[in-house]
């Protein structure tokens, strides 16, 4: 279901895989990468299909953004699929090219996280 590093794999100190649980069951995953310069990338965002459409993605994203703020980052960036871009817009992300080597077909988005 989720492709996270196993406990025996080395993880960069700047990489933070996070899980969202519902009743002790993992239903969502997100990877937070500290890109330095007060910017964090939210990657590999996924909610178990059986739990999609119930607000869990929004909750997971809010918690990830709080984690990012606590790391000292003031901006979050994502690579969104065209289908997911609307969701990110509804939670405050704006379309903006921030990665010059991004693959075509991906929507680059960012959100200022200033208090």
Protein backbone atom coordinates (compact mmCIF):
# COMPACT_ATOMS: atom_id res chain seq x y z
CA UNK A 1 0.00 0.00 0.00
CA UNK A 2 2.65 2.56 1.02
CA UNK A 3 6.24 2.56 -0.17
CA UNK A 4 8.18 3.86 2.82
CA UNK A 5 11.76 2.93 3.72
CA UNK A 6 11.94 -0.15 5.89
CA UNK A 7 13.45 0.33 9.36
CA UNK A 8 16.78 -1.17 8.26
CA UNK A 9 17.23 1.28 5.34
CA UNK A 10 19.27 4.43 5.86
CA UNK A 11 17.21 7.61 5.73
CA UNK A 12 18.65 11.05 5.18
CA UNK A 13 18.43 13.37 8.18
CA UNK A 14 16.48 15.73 5.91
CA UNK A 15 13.85 13.10 5.05
CA UNK A 16 10.87 12.52 7.34
CA UNK A 17 8.38 9.79 6.33
CA UNK A 18 5.12 10.28 8.24
CA UNK A 19 2.00 8.13 8.58
CA UNK A 20 -1.59 9.09 9.32
CA UNK A 21 -3.43 6.59 11.51
CA UNK A 22 -7.15 6.04 11.99
CA UNK A 23 -8.03 3.69 14.85
CA UNK A 24 -4.48 2.29 14.93
CA UNK A 25 -4.54 1.58 11.18
CA UNK A 26 -2.21 3.48 8.81
CA UNK A 27 -4.41 5.11 6.17
CA UNK A 28 -2.12 7.81 4.81
CA UNK A 29 1.51 8.56 4.15
CA UNK A 30 3.53 11.63 3.31
CA UNK A 31 7.25 12.28 3.07
CA UNK A 32 8.58 15.64 4.23
CA UNK A 33 11.96 16.63 2.80
CA UNK A 34 13.80 19.63 4.24
CA UNK A 35 15.18 21.42 1.17
CA UNK A 36 16.98 24.05 3.28
CA UNK A 37 16.43 27.80 2.99
CA UNK A 38 13.22 27.39 5.07
CA UNK A 39 11.54 25.28 2.35
CA UNK A 40 10.16 21.76 2.70
CA UNK A 41 8.88 19.47 -0.05
CA UNK A 42 5.84 17.31 0.60
CA UNK A 43 6.24 14.14 -1.44
CA UNK A 44 4.67 10.73 -1.96
CA UNK A 45 1.35 11.99 -0.58
CA UNK A 46 -1.15 9.13 -0.44
CA UNK A 47 -4.38 8.16 1.27
CA UNK A 48 -5.59 4.56 1.14
CA UNK A 49 -8.29 4.57 -1.59
CA UNK A 50 -10.81 3.04 0.84
CA UNK A 51 -10.51 6.21 2.97
CA UNK A 52 -10.34 8.88 0.26
CA UNK A 53 -12.99 11.58 0.07
CA UNK A 54 -13.58 11.76 3.83
CA UNK A 55 -11.22 14.64 4.68
CA UNK A 56 -8.27 12.50 5.74
CA UNK A 57 -5.97 13.99 3.09
CA UNK A 58 -6.73 17.49 4.33
CA UNK A 59 -6.01 16.46 7.93
CA UNK A 60 -2.77 14.74 6.95
CA UNK A 61 -1.64 17.78 4.98
CA UNK A 62 -2.45 20.13 7.88
CA UNK A 63 -0.42 17.97 10.26
CA UNK A 64 2.48 17.78 7.80
CA UNK A 65 2.43 21.56 7.42
CA UNK A 66 2.55 21.94 11.21
CA UNK A 67 5.52 19.55 11.29
CA UNK A 68 7.20 21.68 8.60
CA UNK A 69 6.64 24.85 10.64
CA UNK A 70 8.15 23.18 13.70
CA UNK A 71 11.21 22.33 11.57
CA UNK A 72 11.59 26.07 10.96
CA UNK A 73 10.40 26.03 7.35
CA UNK A 74 8.18 28.83 6.08
CA UNK A 75 7.22 27.41 2.70
CA UNK A 76 5.95 24.03 1.49
CA UNK A 77 6.21 22.89 -2.11
CA UNK A 78 4.61 19.95 -3.89
CA UNK A 79 4.67 18.23 -7.25
CA UNK A 80 0.98 17.65 -7.99
CA UNK A 81 -0.67 15.64 -10.68
CA UNK A 82 -3.13 17.68 -12.74
CA UNK A 83 -5.93 15.72 -11.01
CA UNK A 84 -4.66 16.68 -7.53
CA UNK A 85 -3.86 20.34 -8.28
CA UNK A 86 -7.43 21.43 -7.49
CA UNK A 87 -7.21 19.85 -4.04
CA UNK A 88 -3.99 21.70 -3.29
CA UNK A 89 -5.52 24.97 -4.48
CA UNK A 90 -8.43 24.54 -2.05
CA UNK A 91 -5.97 24.27 0.85
CA UNK A 92 -3.94 27.35 -0.09
CA UNK A 93 -1.33 26.20 -2.59
CA UNK A 94 -0.61 28.30 -5.67
CA UNK A 95 0.74 27.07 -8.98
CA UNK A 96 4.31 28.25 -9.35
CA UNK A 97 7.33 26.77 -11.08
CA UNK A 98 9.97 26.26 -8.40
CA UNK A 99 11.96 23.40 -9.94
CA UNK A 100 13.60 24.04 -13.31
CA UNK A 101 14.13 20.33 -14.02
CA UNK A 102 10.59 19.18 -13.22
CA UNK A 103 9.03 16.60 -15.55
CA UNK A 104 6.30 17.67 -17.91
CA UNK A 105 2.73 16.98 -16.89
CA UNK A 106 3.41 17.80 -13.24
CA UNK A 107 1.96 20.90 -11.60
CA UNK A 108 4.44 22.61 -9.30
CA UNK A 109 2.76 24.30 -6.34
CA UNK A 110 3.80 26.20 -3.24
CA UNK A 111 2.31 27.58 -0.05
CA UNK A 112 3.66 30.19 2.34
CA UNK A 113 3.41 28.90 5.89
CA UNK A 114 4.08 32.12 7.76
CA UNK A 115 2.05 32.35 10.95
